[in-house]
N, C-alpha and C. Protein backbone atom coordinates (compact mmCIF):
# COMPACT_ATOMS: atom_id res chain seq x y z
N MET A 1 -56.74 -32.27 -74.29
CA MET A 1 -55.60 -33.17 -75.13
C MET A 1 -54.69 -33.25 -75.34
N LYS A 2 -54.19 -32.07 -75.38
CA LYS A 2 -52.62 -31.93 -75.45
C LYS A 2 -52.42 -32.79 -74.58
N ASP A 3 -51.84 -32.21 -73.23
CA ASP A 3 -51.90 -32.90 -72.14
C ASP A 3 -51.68 -34.70 -72.25
N LEU A 4 -53.01 -34.97 -72.45
CA LEU A 4 -53.09 -36.54 -72.49
C LEU A 4 -51.91 -37.10 -73.20
N VAL A 5 -52.23 -36.34 -75.06
CA VAL A 5 -51.18 -37.10 -75.64
C VAL A 5 -49.41 -36.81 -75.74
N GLU A 6 -49.49 -35.37 -74.40
CA GLU A 6 -48.03 -35.40 -74.26
C GLU A 6 -47.43 -36.46 -73.00
N TYR A 7 -48.74 -37.05 -72.14
CA TYR A 7 -48.24 -37.95 -71.04
C TYR A 7 -48.03 -39.24 -71.31
N MET A 8 -48.74 -39.76 -72.64
CA MET A 8 -48.70 -40.42 -73.29
C MET A 8 -47.36 -41.11 -74.24
N ALA A 9 -46.95 -40.18 -74.52
CA ALA A 9 -45.92 -39.75 -75.73
C ALA A 9 -44.53 -40.12 -74.61
N ARG A 10 -44.53 -39.23 -73.86
CA ARG A 10 -42.84 -38.95 -72.95
C ARG A 10 -43.43 -40.49 -71.75
N SER A 11 -44.52 -41.13 -71.85
CA SER A 11 -44.34 -42.56 -70.94
C SER A 11 -43.25 -43.64 -72.02
N LEU A 12 -43.95 -43.11 -72.72
CA LEU A 12 -43.30 -44.61 -73.60
C LEU A 12 -41.94 -44.09 -74.20
N ALA A 13 -41.28 -42.51 -74.71
CA ALA A 13 -39.78 -42.50 -75.16
C ALA A 13 -39.33 -42.66 -73.87
N GLU A 14 -37.94 -43.01 -74.79
CA GLU A 14 -36.27 -42.88 -73.71
C GLU A 14 -36.14 -41.44 -73.63
N TYR A 15 -36.26 -40.40 -74.58
CA TYR A 15 -36.30 -39.20 -74.43
C TYR A 15 -36.95 -38.28 -74.49
N PRO A 16 -38.19 -38.49 -72.87
CA PRO A 16 -39.20 -37.80 -72.33
C PRO A 16 -39.11 -35.94 -73.11
N ASP A 17 -37.40 -35.96 -72.76
CA ASP A 17 -37.47 -33.86 -73.11
C ASP A 17 -37.78 -33.14 -74.21
N GLN A 18 -37.39 -34.58 -75.50
CA GLN A 18 -37.46 -34.25 -76.97
C GLN A 18 -38.83 -34.48 -77.05
N VAL A 19 -40.13 -34.81 -76.57
CA VAL A 19 -40.82 -35.06 -76.83
C VAL A 19 -41.96 -33.40 -77.61
N GLU A 20 -41.89 -33.23 -78.38
CA GLU A 20 -43.18 -31.45 -78.29
C GLU A 20 -44.15 -32.08 -79.53
N ILE A 21 -45.09 -31.21 -78.91
CA ILE A 21 -46.39 -31.77 -79.27
C ILE A 21 -47.06 -29.83 -79.44
N THR A 22 -47.60 -29.90 -80.75
CA THR A 22 -48.00 -28.39 -81.38
C THR A 22 -49.28 -28.78 -81.85
N ALA A 23 -49.98 -27.53 -81.28
CA ALA A 23 -51.98 -27.34 -81.92
C ALA A 23 -51.92 -26.53 -83.25
N ALA A 24 -53.16 -27.63 -83.92
CA ALA A 24 -53.05 -26.27 -85.37
C ALA A 24 -54.28 -26.70 -85.76
N GLU A 25 -55.26 -26.12 -85.86
CA GLU A 25 -56.51 -25.94 -86.69
C GLU A 25 -56.36 -25.82 -88.02
N ASN A 26 -58.04 -26.97 -88.52
CA ASN A 26 -58.64 -27.12 -89.98
C ASN A 26 -59.83 -27.19 -89.84
N GLU A 27 -59.54 -27.29 -91.24
CA GLU A 27 -61.78 -27.10 -91.45
C GLU A 27 -62.52 -28.19 -90.47
N GLN A 28 -62.07 -29.43 -90.48
CA GLN A 28 -62.66 -30.59 -89.12
C GLN A 28 -62.36 -30.38 -88.13
N GLY A 29 -61.16 -29.47 -87.17
CA GLY A 29 -61.64 -29.48 -85.73
C GLY A 29 -59.98 -28.73 -85.54
N SER A 30 -59.18 -29.71 -84.77
CA SER A 30 -57.94 -30.13 -84.12
C SER A 30 -56.90 -30.44 -84.91
N VAL A 31 -55.85 -30.30 -84.44
CA VAL A 31 -54.80 -31.19 -85.43
C VAL A 31 -53.34 -31.35 -84.04
N LEU A 32 -53.35 -32.24 -83.86
CA LEU A 32 -52.38 -32.11 -82.63
C LEU A 32 -50.92 -33.19 -83.37
N GLU A 33 -49.61 -32.08 -83.26
CA GLU A 33 -49.03 -32.75 -84.20
C GLU A 33 -47.92 -33.28 -83.32
N LEU A 34 -47.22 -34.92 -82.69
CA LEU A 34 -46.30 -34.56 -82.02
C LEU A 34 -44.45 -35.02 -82.87
N ARG A 35 -43.93 -34.82 -81.91
CA ARG A 35 -42.29 -34.58 -82.52
C ARG A 35 -41.75 -35.58 -81.29
N VAL A 36 -41.85 -36.68 -82.01
CA VAL A 36 -40.18 -37.30 -80.92
C VAL A 36 -39.14 -37.10 -80.87
N ALA A 37 -37.62 -37.86 -80.75
CA ALA A 37 -36.71 -38.30 -81.06
C ALA A 37 -36.47 -39.04 -82.71
N ARG A 38 -35.76 -39.02 -82.87
CA ARG A 38 -35.76 -40.30 -83.70
C ARG A 38 -35.63 -42.22 -83.30
N GLU A 39 -35.05 -41.61 -82.38
CA GLU A 39 -34.60 -43.13 -81.72
C GLU A 39 -36.16 -43.75 -80.66
N ASP A 40 -37.09 -42.61 -80.50
CA ASP A 40 -37.71 -43.07 -79.82
C ASP A 40 -39.02 -43.23 -81.13
N LEU A 41 -39.04 -42.95 -82.31
CA LEU A 41 -40.35 -43.24 -83.27
C LEU A 41 -40.82 -44.64 -83.65
N GLY A 42 -39.85 -45.25 -83.28
CA GLY A 42 -40.70 -46.71 -83.38
C GLY A 42 -41.54 -46.77 -82.48
N LYS A 43 -40.65 -46.80 -80.80
CA LYS A 43 -41.42 -47.18 -79.34
C LYS A 43 -43.43 -46.13 -80.40
N VAL A 44 -43.10 -44.73 -80.64
CA VAL A 44 -44.08 -44.02 -80.16
C VAL A 44 -45.61 -44.76 -81.49
N ILE A 45 -44.41 -45.52 -82.06
CA ILE A 45 -45.59 -45.64 -83.67
C ILE A 45 -46.00 -47.26 -83.07
N GLY A 46 -45.39 -47.99 -82.66
CA GLY A 46 -45.54 -49.41 -82.70
C GLY A 46 -45.75 -50.42 -83.87
N ARG A 47 -45.50 -51.66 -83.24
CA ARG A 47 -45.46 -52.61 -84.35
C ARG A 47 -46.53 -52.46 -85.14
N GLN A 48 -46.93 -52.44 -86.66
CA GLN A 48 -47.09 -52.09 -87.52
C GLN A 48 -48.93 -51.31 -86.86
N GLY A 49 -48.09 -50.14 -86.14
CA GLY A 49 -48.91 -48.78 -86.03
C GLY A 49 -49.09 -49.24 -85.09
N ARG A 50 -50.07 -50.41 -83.98
CA ARG A 50 -50.51 -50.56 -82.93
C ARG A 50 -50.47 -49.53 -81.69
N THR A 51 -49.48 -48.88 -81.74
CA THR A 51 -49.77 -48.11 -80.18
C THR A 51 -49.67 -46.66 -81.10
N ALA A 52 -50.13 -46.17 -81.78
CA ALA A 52 -50.10 -44.81 -82.63
C ALA A 52 -51.40 -44.74 -82.55
N ARG A 53 -52.21 -46.42 -83.06
CA ARG A 53 -53.53 -46.64 -82.93
C ARG A 53 -54.05 -46.74 -81.96
N ALA A 54 -53.67 -46.98 -80.57
CA ALA A 54 -54.05 -47.23 -79.49
C ALA A 54 -54.69 -45.80 -78.84
N MET A 55 -53.43 -44.84 -79.59
CA MET A 55 -52.75 -43.84 -79.14
C MET A 55 -54.53 -42.91 -79.55
N ARG A 56 -54.74 -43.31 -80.72
CA ARG A 56 -55.24 -42.60 -81.56
C ARG A 56 -57.07 -42.72 -81.02
N VAL A 57 -56.99 -44.02 -80.52
CA VAL A 57 -58.38 -44.21 -80.22
C VAL A 57 -58.52 -43.40 -79.09
N ILE A 58 -57.83 -43.34 -77.96
CA ILE A 58 -57.56 -43.52 -76.58
C ILE A 58 -58.23 -41.46 -76.95
N LEU A 59 -57.46 -40.78 -78.17
CA LEU A 59 -57.48 -39.35 -78.03
C LEU A 59 -58.88 -39.11 -78.84
N GLY A 60 -59.57 -40.03 -79.49
CA GLY A 60 -60.95 -39.62 -79.93
C GLY A 60 -62.00 -39.67 -79.06
N ALA A 61 -61.86 -41.21 -78.12
CA ALA A 61 -62.89 -41.01 -77.06
C ALA A 61 -62.77 -40.33 -75.88
N ALA A 62 -62.10 -39.59 -75.63
CA ALA A 62 -61.68 -38.30 -74.59
C ALA A 62 -61.93 -36.84 -75.26
N SER A 63 -62.31 -36.73 -76.63
CA SER A 63 -62.54 -35.66 -77.24
C SER A 63 -63.57 -35.58 -77.65
N ALA A 64 -64.87 -37.18 -78.42
CA ALA A 64 -65.37 -37.07 -78.22
C ALA A 64 -66.30 -36.76 -76.57
N ARG A 65 -65.62 -36.75 -75.55
CA ARG A 65 -66.42 -36.48 -74.10
C ARG A 65 -67.00 -34.74 -73.76
N THR A 66 -65.78 -34.12 -74.74
CA THR A 66 -65.84 -32.85 -74.72
C THR A 66 -66.17 -32.13 -76.03
N GLY A 67 -66.46 -33.56 -76.73
CA GLY A 67 -67.75 -32.23 -78.22
C GLY A 67 -66.92 -31.75 -78.82
N GLN A 68 -65.45 -32.49 -78.72
CA GLN A 68 -64.19 -31.44 -80.28
C GLN A 68 -64.39 -32.82 -80.57
N ARG A 69 -63.64 -32.41 -82.43
CA ARG A 69 -62.78 -33.59 -83.33
C ARG A 69 -61.09 -33.52 -83.03
N VAL A 70 -60.50 -34.38 -83.06
CA VAL A 70 -59.14 -33.58 -82.54
C VAL A 70 -58.57 -34.78 -82.84
N ALA A 71 -57.48 -34.88 -84.26
CA ALA A 71 -56.41 -35.89 -84.45
C ALA A 71 -54.91 -35.71 -84.14
N LEU A 72 -54.50 -36.82 -84.30
CA LEU A 72 -53.26 -37.31 -83.90
C LEU A 72 -52.17 -37.50 -85.25
N GLU A 73 -51.49 -36.05 -86.02
CA GLU A 73 -50.09 -37.00 -86.64
C GLU A 73 -49.27 -37.18 -86.07
N ILE A 74 -48.06 -37.74 -85.91
CA ILE A 74 -46.66 -38.25 -85.54
C ILE A 74 -45.62 -38.07 -86.79
N LEU A 75 -45.25 -36.82 -86.48
CA LEU A 75 -44.10 -36.11 -87.19
C LEU A 75 -43.04 -36.92 -87.08
N GLU A 76 -41.56 -37.20 -88.14
CA GLU A 76 -40.48 -37.19 -87.93
C GLU A 76 -40.08 -35.82 -87.65
């Protein structure tokens, strides 16, 4: 799942070398924390959050196939 989110974020970012993803566990499942350059934050989130929502939908579909529960958080 981490590779999938990293691929999507690097494809959108103007500074793909600054894309960082960390994985954490909580009581509901895994959480992927995405950090990008400040200039790329708007591109990754998109207008009214549409791009971020689309990334979460794709991640949800991919994680459902593996039987996991994975959430995506976009951090500054």
